[in-house]
Amino acid sequence: MPHDGYMKKGVKKLENSLRRSDMVLCPVNCNSHAACSIVKNLGKKHNKPVYMLTNSSLSAVSQVIKEDINDKSEEAKNPKKAMVTAISTA
């Protein structure tokens, strides 16, 4: 579920999107320091994995997805861990 990063409608819209997500990708090159901090804090609050990307390039996003796929195979061995099934960007 993409979020455009604009905070003019407040944190609630971002929090609602983040709460429905399984994973959050936040490219730091196109978000303010304040927005990145809010995303990190909301991720902790709602127990969501937040990945801070250096940029929003396809390679940066695909690298996180590739790492997540590897993590999923480990999670399958340990059913107590939650599985990531969707991607959302901040």
N, C-alpha and C. Protein backbone atom coordinates (compact mmCIF):
# COMPACT_ATOMS: atom_id res chain seq x y z
N MET A 1 0.83 -1.16 0.00
CA MET A 1 0.00 0.00 0.00
C MET A 1 0.89 1.24 0.00
N PRO A 2 1.04 1.91 -1.08
CA PRO A 2 1.95 3.06 -1.10
C PRO A 2 1.37 4.26 -0.36
N HIS A 3 2.26 5.01 0.23
CA HIS A 3 1.91 6.29 0.86
C HIS A 3 2.84 7.30 0.22
N ASP A 4 2.31 8.46 -0.15
CA ASP A 4 3.10 9.44 -0.89
C ASP A 4 4.14 10.17 -0.04
N GLY A 5 4.13 9.97 1.25
CA GLY A 5 5.12 10.59 2.11
C GLY A 5 4.74 11.97 2.61
N TYR A 6 3.70 12.57 2.04
CA TYR A 6 3.28 13.88 2.50
C TYR A 6 2.56 13.74 3.84
N MET A 7 2.89 14.63 4.75
CA MET A 7 2.33 14.54 6.09
C MET A 7 1.22 15.56 6.33
N LYS A 8 0.76 16.23 5.25
CA LYS A 8 -0.23 17.30 5.42
C LYS A 8 -1.56 16.81 6.00
N LYS A 9 -1.89 15.56 5.80
CA LYS A 9 -3.13 15.01 6.37
C LYS A 9 -2.87 14.37 7.73
N GLY A 10 -1.68 14.56 8.24
CA GLY A 10 -1.35 14.09 9.57
C GLY A 10 -0.82 12.67 9.61
N VAL A 11 -0.44 12.30 10.79
CA VAL A 11 0.17 11.00 11.03
C VAL A 11 -0.86 9.88 10.96
N LYS A 12 -2.12 10.18 11.22
CA LYS A 12 -3.15 9.13 11.27
C LYS A 12 -3.27 8.35 9.96
N LYS A 13 -3.23 9.03 8.83
CA LYS A 13 -3.34 8.34 7.54
C LYS A 13 -2.15 7.40 7.35
N LEU A 14 -0.97 7.89 7.68
CA LEU A 14 0.22 7.06 7.59
C LEU A 14 0.12 5.88 8.55
N GLU A 15 -0.33 6.13 9.75
CA GLU A 15 -0.45 5.06 10.74
C GLU A 15 -1.47 4.01 10.29
N ASN A 16 -2.57 4.43 9.71
CA ASN A 16 -3.57 3.48 9.22
C ASN A 16 -3.00 2.60 8.12
N SER A 17 -2.23 3.18 7.21
CA SER A 17 -1.60 2.39 6.15
C SER A 17 -0.58 1.43 6.73
N LEU A 18 0.24 1.93 7.64
CA LEU A 18 1.28 1.10 8.23
C LEU A 18 0.68 -0.06 9.02
N ARG A 19 -0.38 0.21 9.74
CA ARG A 19 -1.00 -0.83 10.57
C ARG A 19 -1.52 -1.99 9.73
N ARG A 20 -1.96 -1.72 8.51
CA ARG A 20 -2.48 -2.78 7.63
C ARG A 20 -1.37 -3.49 6.85
N SER A 21 -0.17 -3.00 6.96
CA SER A 21 0.95 -3.55 6.20
C SER A 21 1.68 -4.62 6.98
N ASP A 22 2.38 -5.46 6.26
CA ASP A 22 3.23 -6.47 6.88
C ASP A 22 4.69 -6.05 6.88
N MET A 23 5.05 -5.16 5.99
CA MET A 23 6.42 -4.69 5.85
C MET A 23 6.36 -3.24 5.38
N VAL A 24 7.30 -2.42 5.85
CA VAL A 24 7.34 -1.02 5.46
C VAL A 24 8.71 -0.71 4.88
N LEU A 25 8.71 -0.12 3.69
CA LEU A 25 9.93 0.33 3.04
C LEU A 25 9.91 1.85 3.02
N CYS A 26 10.94 2.47 3.57
CA CYS A 26 10.98 3.93 3.66
C CYS A 26 12.27 4.43 3.02
N PRO A 27 12.20 4.93 1.80
CA PRO A 27 13.41 5.48 1.16
C PRO A 27 13.76 6.84 1.78
N VAL A 28 14.96 6.94 2.34
CA VAL A 28 15.33 8.14 3.07
C VAL A 28 15.69 9.32 2.17
N ASN A 29 15.97 9.05 0.90
CA ASN A 29 16.35 10.15 0.00
C ASN A 29 15.16 10.99 -0.44
N CYS A 30 13.95 10.51 -0.24
CA CYS A 30 12.78 11.28 -0.67
C CYS A 30 11.78 11.51 0.47
N ASN A 31 12.21 11.30 1.70
CA ASN A 31 11.38 11.56 2.88
C ASN A 31 12.17 12.42 3.85
N SER A 32 11.48 13.28 4.57
CA SER A 32 12.16 14.12 5.55
C SER A 32 12.63 13.29 6.73
N HIS A 33 13.57 13.86 7.49
CA HIS A 33 14.06 13.19 8.69
C HIS A 33 12.91 12.94 9.66
N ALA A 34 12.03 13.93 9.77
CA ALA A 34 10.88 13.79 10.67
C ALA A 34 9.96 12.66 10.22
N ALA A 35 9.69 12.57 8.92
CA ALA A 35 8.82 11.50 8.41
C ALA A 35 9.45 10.13 8.65
N CYS A 36 10.76 10.02 8.44
CA CYS A 36 11.45 8.74 8.68
C CYS A 36 11.37 8.35 10.16
N SER A 37 11.52 9.33 11.04
CA SER A 37 11.42 9.06 12.48
C SER A 37 10.02 8.60 12.85
N ILE A 38 9.02 9.24 12.26
CA ILE A 38 7.63 8.84 12.53
C ILE A 38 7.39 7.41 12.07
N VAL A 39 7.88 7.07 10.88
CA VAL A 39 7.72 5.71 10.36
C VAL A 39 8.39 4.70 11.29
N LYS A 40 9.61 4.99 11.74
CA LYS A 40 10.30 4.08 12.65
C LYS A 40 9.50 3.88 13.94
N ASN A 41 9.02 4.98 14.50
CA ASN A 41 8.26 4.89 15.75
C ASN A 41 6.95 4.13 15.57
N LEU A 42 6.26 4.38 14.46
CA LEU A 42 5.01 3.66 14.20
C LEU A 42 5.27 2.17 13.97
N GLY A 43 6.37 1.86 13.31
CA GLY A 43 6.74 0.46 13.11
C GLY A 43 6.94 -0.26 14.43
N LYS A 44 7.62 0.40 15.36
CA LYS A 44 7.82 -0.19 16.68
C LYS A 44 6.48 -0.33 17.41
N LYS A 45 5.67 0.71 17.33
CA LYS A 45 4.37 0.71 18.02
C LYS A 45 3.48 -0.43 17.56
N HIS A 46 3.49 -0.71 16.25
CA HIS A 46 2.60 -1.73 15.69
C HIS A 46 3.33 -3.04 15.36
N ASN A 47 4.57 -3.14 15.83
CA ASN A 47 5.36 -4.36 15.64
C ASN A 47 5.48 -4.75 14.17
N LYS A 48 5.83 -3.78 13.34
CA LYS A 48 6.00 -4.00 11.90
C LYS A 48 7.47 -3.82 11.53
N PRO A 49 8.00 -4.66 10.67
CA PRO A 49 9.38 -4.45 10.23
C PRO A 49 9.47 -3.23 9.32
N VAL A 50 10.41 -2.35 9.63
CA VAL A 50 10.61 -1.14 8.84
C VAL A 50 12.02 -1.20 8.26
N TYR A 51 12.11 -1.06 6.95
CA TYR A 51 13.39 -1.06 6.26
C TYR A 51 13.64 0.34 5.72
N MET A 52 14.70 0.97 6.19
CA MET A 52 15.08 2.29 5.71
C MET A 52 16.00 2.09 4.51
N LEU A 53 15.55 2.50 3.34
CA LEU A 53 16.30 2.33 2.11
C LEU A 53 17.08 3.60 1.80
N THR A 54 18.28 3.46 1.26
CA THR A 54 19.05 4.64 0.89
C THR A 54 18.40 5.41 -0.24
N ASN A 55 17.66 4.70 -1.09
CA ASN A 55 16.92 5.35 -2.18
C ASN A 55 15.74 4.46 -2.57
N SER A 56 14.95 4.95 -3.51
CA SER A 56 13.76 4.21 -3.91
C SER A 56 13.96 3.44 -5.21
N SER A 57 15.20 3.11 -5.52
CA SER A 57 15.49 2.40 -6.77
C SER A 57 14.95 0.98 -6.73
N LEU A 58 14.76 0.44 -7.91
CA LEU A 58 14.29 -0.94 -8.03
C LEU A 58 15.27 -1.91 -7.38
N SER A 59 16.56 -1.66 -7.52
CA SER A 59 17.55 -2.57 -6.93
C SER A 59 17.50 -2.53 -5.40
N ALA A 60 17.27 -1.35 -4.82
CA ALA A 60 17.18 -1.26 -3.35
C ALA A 60 15.95 -2.02 -2.85
N VAL A 61 14.83 -1.85 -3.54
CA VAL A 61 13.60 -2.55 -3.15
C VAL A 61 13.75 -4.05 -3.36
N SER A 62 14.30 -4.46 -4.50
CA SER A 62 14.43 -5.90 -4.78
C SER A 62 15.40 -6.58 -3.82
N GLN A 63 16.41 -5.85 -3.36
CA GLN A 63 17.35 -6.44 -2.40
C GLN A 63 16.64 -6.76 -1.08
N VAL A 64 15.79 -5.85 -0.63
CA VAL A 64 15.03 -6.10 0.61
C VAL A 64 14.08 -7.28 0.42
N ILE A 65 13.44 -7.35 -0.74
CA ILE A 65 12.53 -8.47 -1.01
C ILE A 65 13.30 -9.79 -1.02
N LYS A 66 14.46 -9.78 -1.66
CA LYS A 66 15.29 -10.99 -1.72
C LYS A 66 15.69 -11.43 -0.31
N GLU A 67 16.10 -10.48 0.52
CA GLU A 67 16.46 -10.81 1.90
C GLU A 67 15.25 -11.34 2.67
N ASP A 68 14.10 -10.77 2.39
CA ASP A 68 12.87 -11.21 3.06
C ASP A 68 12.52 -12.64 2.67
N ILE A 69 12.71 -12.98 1.40
CA ILE A 69 12.44 -14.35 0.95
C ILE A 69 13.34 -15.33 1.70
N ASN A 70 14.61 -14.95 1.87
CA ASN A 70 15.52 -15.81 2.63
C ASN A 70 15.07 -15.94 4.08
N ASP A 71 14.59 -14.84 4.65
CA ASP A 71 14.09 -14.87 6.03
C ASP A 71 12.86 -15.76 6.14
N LYS A 72 12.00 -15.74 5.12
CA LYS A 72 10.79 -16.56 5.16
C LYS A 72 11.13 -18.04 5.25
N SER A 73 12.17 -18.46 4.55
CA SER A 73 12.53 -19.87 4.62
C SER A 73 13.00 -20.23 6.02
N GLU A 74 13.66 -19.29 6.70
CA GLU A 74 14.05 -19.52 8.09
C GLU A 74 12.83 -19.51 9.00
N GLU A 75 11.88 -18.62 8.74
CA GLU A 75 10.68 -18.54 9.56
C GLU A 75 9.83 -19.80 9.44
N ALA A 76 9.87 -20.43 8.28
CA ALA A 76 9.11 -21.67 8.09
C ALA A 76 9.63 -22.76 9.02
N LYS A 77 10.92 -22.67 9.34
CA LYS A 77 11.50 -23.63 10.27
C LYS A 77 11.13 -23.31 11.72
N ASN A 78 10.78 -22.05 11.97
CA ASN A 78 10.42 -21.61 13.32
C ASN A 78 9.04 -20.95 13.26
N PRO A 79 7.96 -21.68 13.46
CA PRO A 79 6.61 -21.15 13.26
C PRO A 79 6.21 -20.06 14.26
N LYS A 80 7.01 -19.77 15.27
CA LYS A 80 6.67 -18.72 16.22
C LYS A 80 6.90 -17.33 15.64
N LYS A 81 7.68 -17.24 14.57
CA LYS A 81 7.93 -15.95 13.94
C LYS A 81 6.82 -15.63 12.95
N ALA A 82 6.50 -14.36 12.80
CA ALA A 82 5.48 -13.93 11.83
C ALA A 82 6.06 -13.92 10.43
N MET A 83 5.23 -14.21 9.46
CA MET A 83 5.67 -14.18 8.07
C MET A 83 5.25 -12.88 7.42
N VAL A 84 6.11 -12.35 6.60
CA VAL A 84 5.82 -11.12 5.87
C VAL A 84 5.18 -11.50 4.55
N THR A 85 4.02 -10.90 4.25
CA THR A 85 3.31 -11.28 3.03
C THR A 85 3.01 -10.11 2.11
N ALA A 86 3.21 -8.89 2.56
CA ALA A 86 2.90 -7.74 1.71
C ALA A 86 3.92 -6.64 1.94
N ILE A 87 3.99 -5.74 0.98
CA ILE A 87 4.94 -4.65 1.04
C ILE A 87 4.20 -3.33 0.99
N SER A 88 4.62 -2.41 1.82
CA SER A 88 4.07 -1.06 1.79
C SER A 88 5.21 -0.08 1.83
N THR A 89 5.09 1.01 1.12
CA THR A 89 6.14 2.02 1.16
C THR A 89 5.63 3.25 1.87
N ALA A 90 6.56 3.94 2.45
CA ALA A 90 6.20 5.20 3.12
C ALA A 90 6.46 6.34 2.18
